[in-house]
Amino acid sequence: MNPRRKKRLLITSLLGVALSLAVGLVLFALQQNIDLFYTPTEIIQGKNETGIKPEVGQRLRIGGMVVVGSVERNSESLKVSFDLVDNGGGIVTVFFDGILPDLFREGQGIVAQGELLNATQINAFEVLAKHDEEYMPPEVAEALVGMDHLKANNK
């Protein structure tokens, strides 16, 4: 092999290794920003397909129905806690420090994004309430199949 081909092969190989390293680092960085969706039962018992449970400290999204009578508000701050339930019977407590959406109420389907504190508690940084009676995020709808949609008496 002549020296010119050797040099081209070396440069091409180095570019390939550098590109592979860059792609690997980008994928590793993105992996830490993925919020996986769980239902209360899946957090407690693990995913149905794999049995894998989320780890403490993991960022995730959780969806379910707010248990009637479980909303507790701190009178001196914006801190609120409430329980979420799904059709599997698992109950998870969500802690949130902020302003809840106007549509939030007991018996309402919601999605919360946050960090897992332990097997049954989540510290949420965002709470989303469904927009109207017809629409529900697909993941939440699947988790609540067979449950009655509970409405709070706000009228």
C-alpha atoms as a PDB file:
ATOM      1  CA  MET A   1       0.000   0.000   0.000  1.00  0.00           C
ATOM      2  CA  ASN A   2       1.471   3.336  -0.958  1.00  0.00           C
ATOM      3  CA  PRO A   3       1.858   6.152   1.577  1.00  0.00           C
ATOM      4  CA  ARG A   4      -0.891   8.287   0.045  1.00  0.00           C
ATOM      5  CA  ARG A   5      -3.534   5.529   0.445  1.00  0.00           C
ATOM      6  CA  LYS A   6      -2.296   4.828   3.951  1.00  0.00           C
ATOM      7  CA  LYS A   7      -2.790   8.480   4.890  1.00  0.00           C
ATOM      8  CA  ARG A   8      -6.332   8.548   3.392  1.00  0.00           C
ATOM      9  CA  LEU A   9      -7.262   5.351   5.221  1.00  0.00           C
ATOM     10  CA  LEU A  10      -5.969   6.768   8.521  1.00  0.00           C
ATOM     11  CA  ILE A  11      -7.878  10.050   8.083  1.00  0.00           C
ATOM     12  CA  THR A  12     -11.093   8.229   7.105  1.00  0.00           C
ATOM     13  CA  SER A  13     -10.763   5.893  10.078  1.00  0.00           C
ATOM     14  CA  LEU A  14     -10.208   8.785  12.493  1.00  0.00           C
ATOM     15  CA  LEU A  15     -13.234  10.657  11.088  1.00  0.00           C
ATOM     16  CA  GLY A  16     -15.363   7.527  11.492  1.00  0.00           C
ATOM     17  CA  VAL A  17     -14.261   7.076  15.116  1.00  0.00           C
ATOM     18  CA  ALA A  18     -14.857  10.788  15.882  1.00  0.00           C
ATOM     19  CA  LEU A  19     -18.320  10.681  14.297  1.00  0.00           C
ATOM     20  CA  SER A  20     -19.221   7.524  16.229  1.00  0.00           C
ATOM     21  CA  LEU A  21     -18.038   9.108  19.478  1.00  0.00           C
ATOM     22  CA  ALA A  22     -20.055  12.284  18.812  1.00  0.00           C
ATOM     23  CA  VAL A  23     -23.234  10.290  18.064  1.00  0.00           C
ATOM     24  CA  GLY A  24     -22.713   8.200  21.185  1.00  0.00           C
ATOM     25  CA  LEU A  25     -22.305  11.284  23.394  1.00  0.00           C
ATOM     26  CA  VAL A  26     -25.412  12.925  21.916  1.00  0.00           C
ATOM     27  CA  LEU A  27     -27.496   9.791  22.509  1.00  0.00           C
ATOM     28  CA  PHE A  28     -26.197   9.527  26.084  1.00  0.00           C
ATOM     29  CA  ALA A  29     -27.126  13.172  26.762  1.00  0.00           C
ATOM     30  CA  LEU A  30     -30.606  12.730  25.265  1.00  0.00           C
ATOM     31  CA  GLN A  31     -31.221   9.593  27.327  1.00  0.00           C
ATOM     32  CA  GLN A  32     -31.116  11.664  30.499  1.00  0.00           C
ATOM     33  CA  ASN A  33     -33.841  14.003  29.192  1.00  0.00           C
ATOM     34  CA  ILE A  34     -36.394  11.346  28.302  1.00  0.00           C
ATOM     35  CA  ASP A  35     -39.500  11.327  30.493  1.00  0.00           C
ATOM     36  CA  LEU A  36     -41.073   7.875  30.407  1.00  0.00           C
ATOM     37  CA  PHE A  37     -44.821   7.513  31.021  1.00  0.00           C
ATOM     38  CA  TYR A  38     -46.047   5.376  33.922  1.00  0.00           C
ATOM     39  CA  THR A  39     -49.369   4.715  35.588  1.00  0.00           C
ATOM     40  CA  PRO A  40     -49.587   4.437  39.395  1.00  0.00           C
ATOM     41  CA  THR A  41     -49.786   0.627  39.176  1.00  0.00           C
ATOM     42  CA  GLU A  42     -46.743   0.477  36.871  1.00  0.00           C
ATOM     43  CA  ILE A  43     -44.706   2.560  39.316  1.00  0.00           C
ATOM     44  CA  ILE A  44     -45.536   0.177  42.153  1.00  0.00           C
ATOM     45  CA  GLN A  45     -45.498  -3.173  40.302  1.00  0.00           C
ATOM     46  CA  GLY A  46     -43.390  -2.414  37.213  1.00  0.00           C
ATOM     47  CA  LYS A  47     -44.251  -2.192  33.516  1.00  0.00           C
ATOM     48  CA  ASN A  48     -46.640  -4.894  32.283  1.00  0.00           C
ATOM     49  CA  GLU A  49     -44.389  -6.082  29.457  1.00  0.00           C
ATOM     50  CA  THR A  50     -41.032  -6.057  31.222  1.00  0.00           C
ATOM     51  CA  GLY A  51     -41.697  -5.744  34.953  1.00  0.00           C
ATOM     52  CA  ILE A  52     -39.157  -2.919  35.098  1.00  0.00           C
ATOM     53  CA  LYS A  53     -39.833  -0.353  37.821  1.00  0.00           C
ATOM     54  CA  PRO A  54     -38.605   3.244  37.665  1.00  0.00           C
ATOM     55  CA  GLU A  55     -35.609   4.073  39.828  1.00  0.00           C
ATOM     56  CA  VAL A  56     -35.672   6.587  42.664  1.00  0.00           C
ATOM     57  CA  GLY A  57     -34.576   9.960  41.262  1.00  0.00           C
ATOM     58  CA  GLN A  58     -35.723   9.114  37.727  1.00  0.00           C
ATOM     59  CA  ARG A  59     -37.647  11.742  35.764  1.00  0.00           C
ATOM     60  CA  LEU A  60     -41.010  10.468  34.559  1.00  0.00           C
ATOM     61  CA  ARG A  61     -44.572  11.286  33.618  1.00  0.00           C
ATOM     62  CA  ILE A  62     -47.460   9.768  35.527  1.00  0.00           C
ATOM     63  CA  GLY A  63     -51.101   9.794  34.561  1.00  0.00           C
ATOM     64  CA  GLY A  64     -54.231   8.837  36.412  1.00  0.00           C
ATOM     65  CA  MET A  65     -57.318  10.091  38.204  1.00  0.00           C
ATOM     66  CA  VAL A  66     -57.065  12.387  41.218  1.00  0.00           C
ATOM     67  CA  VAL A  67     -58.578  10.515  44.175  1.00  0.00           C
ATOM     68  CA  VAL A  68     -61.589  12.319  45.609  1.00  0.00           C
ATOM     69  CA  GLY A  69     -60.780  13.733  49.051  1.00  0.00           C
ATOM     70  CA  SER A  70     -57.006  13.384  48.669  1.00  0.00           C
ATOM     71  CA  VAL A  71     -56.090  16.966  47.710  1.00  0.00           C
ATOM     72  CA  GLU A  72     -54.247  18.694  50.564  1.00  0.00           C
ATOM     73  CA  ARG A  73     -53.184  22.324  50.193  1.00  0.00           C
ATOM     74  CA  ASN A  74     -50.711  24.179  52.391  1.00  0.00           C
ATOM     75  CA  SER A  75     -52.398  27.386  53.575  1.00  0.00           C
ATOM     76  CA  GLU A  76     -49.108  29.295  53.755  1.00  0.00           C
ATOM     77  CA  SER A  77     -47.640  28.376  50.356  1.00  0.00           C
ATOM     78  CA  LEU A  78     -48.503  26.963  46.944  1.00  0.00           C
ATOM     79  CA  LYS A  79     -47.583  23.420  47.996  1.00  0.00           C
ATOM     80  CA  VAL A  80     -50.227  20.803  47.282  1.00  0.00           C
ATOM     81  CA  SER A  81     -50.324  17.018  47.458  1.00  0.00           C
ATOM     82  CA  PHE A  82     -52.829  14.580  46.027  1.00  0.00           C
ATOM     83  CA  ASP A  83     -53.186  10.893  45.254  1.00  0.00           C
ATOM     84  CA  LEU A  84     -53.457   9.394  41.772  1.00  0.00           C
ATOM     85  CA  VAL A  85     -55.132   6.076  40.980  1.00  0.00           C
ATOM     86  CA  ASP A  86     -55.637   3.970  37.872  1.00  0.00           C
ATOM     87  CA  ASN A  87     -57.684   0.884  37.015  1.00  0.00           C
ATOM     88  CA  GLY A  88     -54.980  -1.380  38.492  1.00  0.00           C
ATOM     89  CA  GLY A  89     -55.637  -0.057  41.984  1.00  0.00           C
ATOM     90  CA  GLY A  90     -52.195   1.433  42.544  1.00  0.00           C
ATOM     91  CA  ILE A  91     -52.153   4.727  44.422  1.00  0.00           C
ATOM     92  CA  VAL A  92     -49.271   7.194  44.174  1.00  0.00           C
ATOM     93  CA  THR A  93     -48.949  10.500  46.032  1.00  0.00           C
ATOM     94  CA  VAL A  94     -47.891  13.534  43.996  1.00  0.00           C
ATOM     95  CA  PHE A  95     -46.314  16.608  45.620  1.00  0.00           C
ATOM     96  CA  PHE A  96     -46.410  19.860  43.648  1.00  0.00           C
ATOM     97  CA  ASP A  97     -45.227  23.369  44.500  1.00  0.00           C
ATOM     98  CA  GLY A  98     -46.859  25.832  42.146  1.00  0.00           C
ATOM     99  CA  ILE A  99     -50.107  26.961  40.620  1.00  0.00           C
ATOM    100  CA  LEU A 100     -52.348  24.105  39.518  1.00  0.00           C
ATOM    101  CA  PRO A 101     -54.196  24.349  36.191  1.00  0.00           C
ATOM    102  CA  ASP A 102     -57.709  25.824  36.314  1.00  0.00           C
ATOM    103  CA  LEU A 103     -59.163  22.496  35.150  1.00  0.00           C
ATOM    104  CA  PHE A 104     -57.561  20.551  38.009  1.00  0.00           C
ATOM    105  CA  ARG A 105     -60.050  19.017  40.443  1.00  0.00           C
ATOM    106  CA  GLU A 106     -60.761  15.803  42.303  1.00  0.00           C
ATOM    107  CA  GLY A 107     -61.928  12.948  40.090  1.00  0.00           C
ATOM    108  CA  GLN A 108     -60.148  14.535  37.113  1.00  0.00           C
ATOM    109  CA  GLY A 109     -57.682  12.785  34.807  1.00  0.00           C
ATOM    110  CA  ILE A 110     -54.264  14.450  34.921  1.00  0.00           C
ATOM    111  CA  VAL A 111     -50.669  13.948  33.824  1.00  0.00           C
ATOM    112  CA  ALA A 112     -47.831  15.053  36.108  1.00  0.00           C
ATOM    113  CA  GLN A 113     -44.156  15.312  35.218  1.00  0.00           C
ATOM    114  CA  GLY A 114     -41.579  15.014  37.938  1.00  0.00           C
ATOM    115  CA  GLU A 115     -39.051  12.952  39.814  1.00  0.00           C
ATOM    116  CA  LEU A 116     -39.664   9.717  41.698  1.00  0.00           C
ATOM    117  CA  LEU A 117     -38.987  10.198  45.429  1.00  0.00           C
ATOM    118  CA  ASN A 118     -39.713   6.608  46.500  1.00  0.00           C
ATOM    119  CA  ALA A 119     -41.937   3.718  45.434  1.00  0.00           C
ATOM    120  CA  THR A 120     -45.186   5.650  45.959  1.00  0.00           C
ATOM    121  CA  GLN A 121     -44.276   9.366  45.914  1.00  0.00           C
ATOM    122  CA  ILE A 122     -43.449  11.812  43.148  1.00  0.00           C
ATOM    123  CA  ASN A 123     -42.222  15.393  43.335  1.00  0.00           C
ATOM    124  CA  ALA A 124     -43.851  17.028  40.297  1.00  0.00           C
ATOM    125  CA  PHE A 125     -42.580  20.123  38.514  1.00  0.00           C
ATOM    126  CA  GLU A 126     -45.555  20.260  36.112  1.00  0.00           C
ATOM    127  CA  VAL A 127     -49.198  19.187  36.345  1.00  0.00           C
ATOM    128  CA  LEU A 128     -51.418  19.041  33.262  1.00  0.00           C
ATOM    129  CA  ALA A 129     -55.183  18.613  33.391  1.00  0.00           C
ATOM    130  CA  LYS A 130     -57.147  17.323  30.439  1.00  0.00           C
ATOM    131  CA  HIS A 131     -58.857  19.995  28.363  1.00  0.00           C
ATOM    132  CA  ASP A 132     -62.431  18.763  28.068  1.00  0.00           C
ATOM    133  CA  GLU A 133     -64.662  15.766  28.668  1.00  0.00           C
ATOM    134  CA  GLU A 134     -63.940  14.198  25.265  1.00  0.00           C
ATOM    135  CA  TYR A 135     -60.145  14.218  25.051  1.00  0.00           C
ATOM    136  CA  MET A 136     -57.725  12.323  27.237  1.00  0.00           C
ATOM    137  CA  PRO A 137     -54.077  11.549  26.436  1.00  0.00           C
ATOM    138  CA  PRO A 138     -53.883   8.018  24.950  1.00  0.00           C
ATOM    139  CA  GLU A 139     -51.614   6.719  27.728  1.00  0.00           C
ATOM    140  CA  VAL A 140     -54.015   7.951  30.415  1.00  0.00           C
ATOM    141  CA  ALA A 141     -57.048   6.604  28.544  1.00  0.00           C
ATOM    142  CA  GLU A 142     -55.464   3.132  28.398  1.00  0.00           C
ATOM    143  CA  ALA A 143     -54.605   3.277  32.098  1.00  0.00           C
ATOM    144  CA  LEU A 144     -58.160   4.220  33.058  1.00  0.00           C
ATOM    145  CA  VAL A 145     -60.105   1.711  30.949  1.00  0.00           C
ATOM    146  CA  GLY A 146     -62.983   0.368  33.038  1.00  0.00           C
ATOM    147  CA  MET A 147     -62.945   3.160  35.621  1.00  0.00           C
ATOM    148  CA  ASP A 148     -65.855   5.529  36.010  1.00  0.00           C
ATOM    149  CA  HIS A 149     -65.015   9.122  35.204  1.00  0.00           C
ATOM    150  CA  LEU A 150     -65.563  10.864  38.515  1.00  0.00           C
ATOM    151  CA  LYS A 151     -66.678  14.474  38.561  1.00  0.00           C
ATOM    152  CA  ALA A 152     -66.393  16.820  41.476  1.00  0.00           C
ATOM    153  CA  ASN A 153     -69.512  18.798  42.323  1.00  0.00           C
ATOM    154  CA  ASN A 154     -68.210  22.245  41.418  1.00  0.00           C
ATOM    155  CA  LYS A 155     -71.549  23.684  40.300  1.00  0.00           C
END
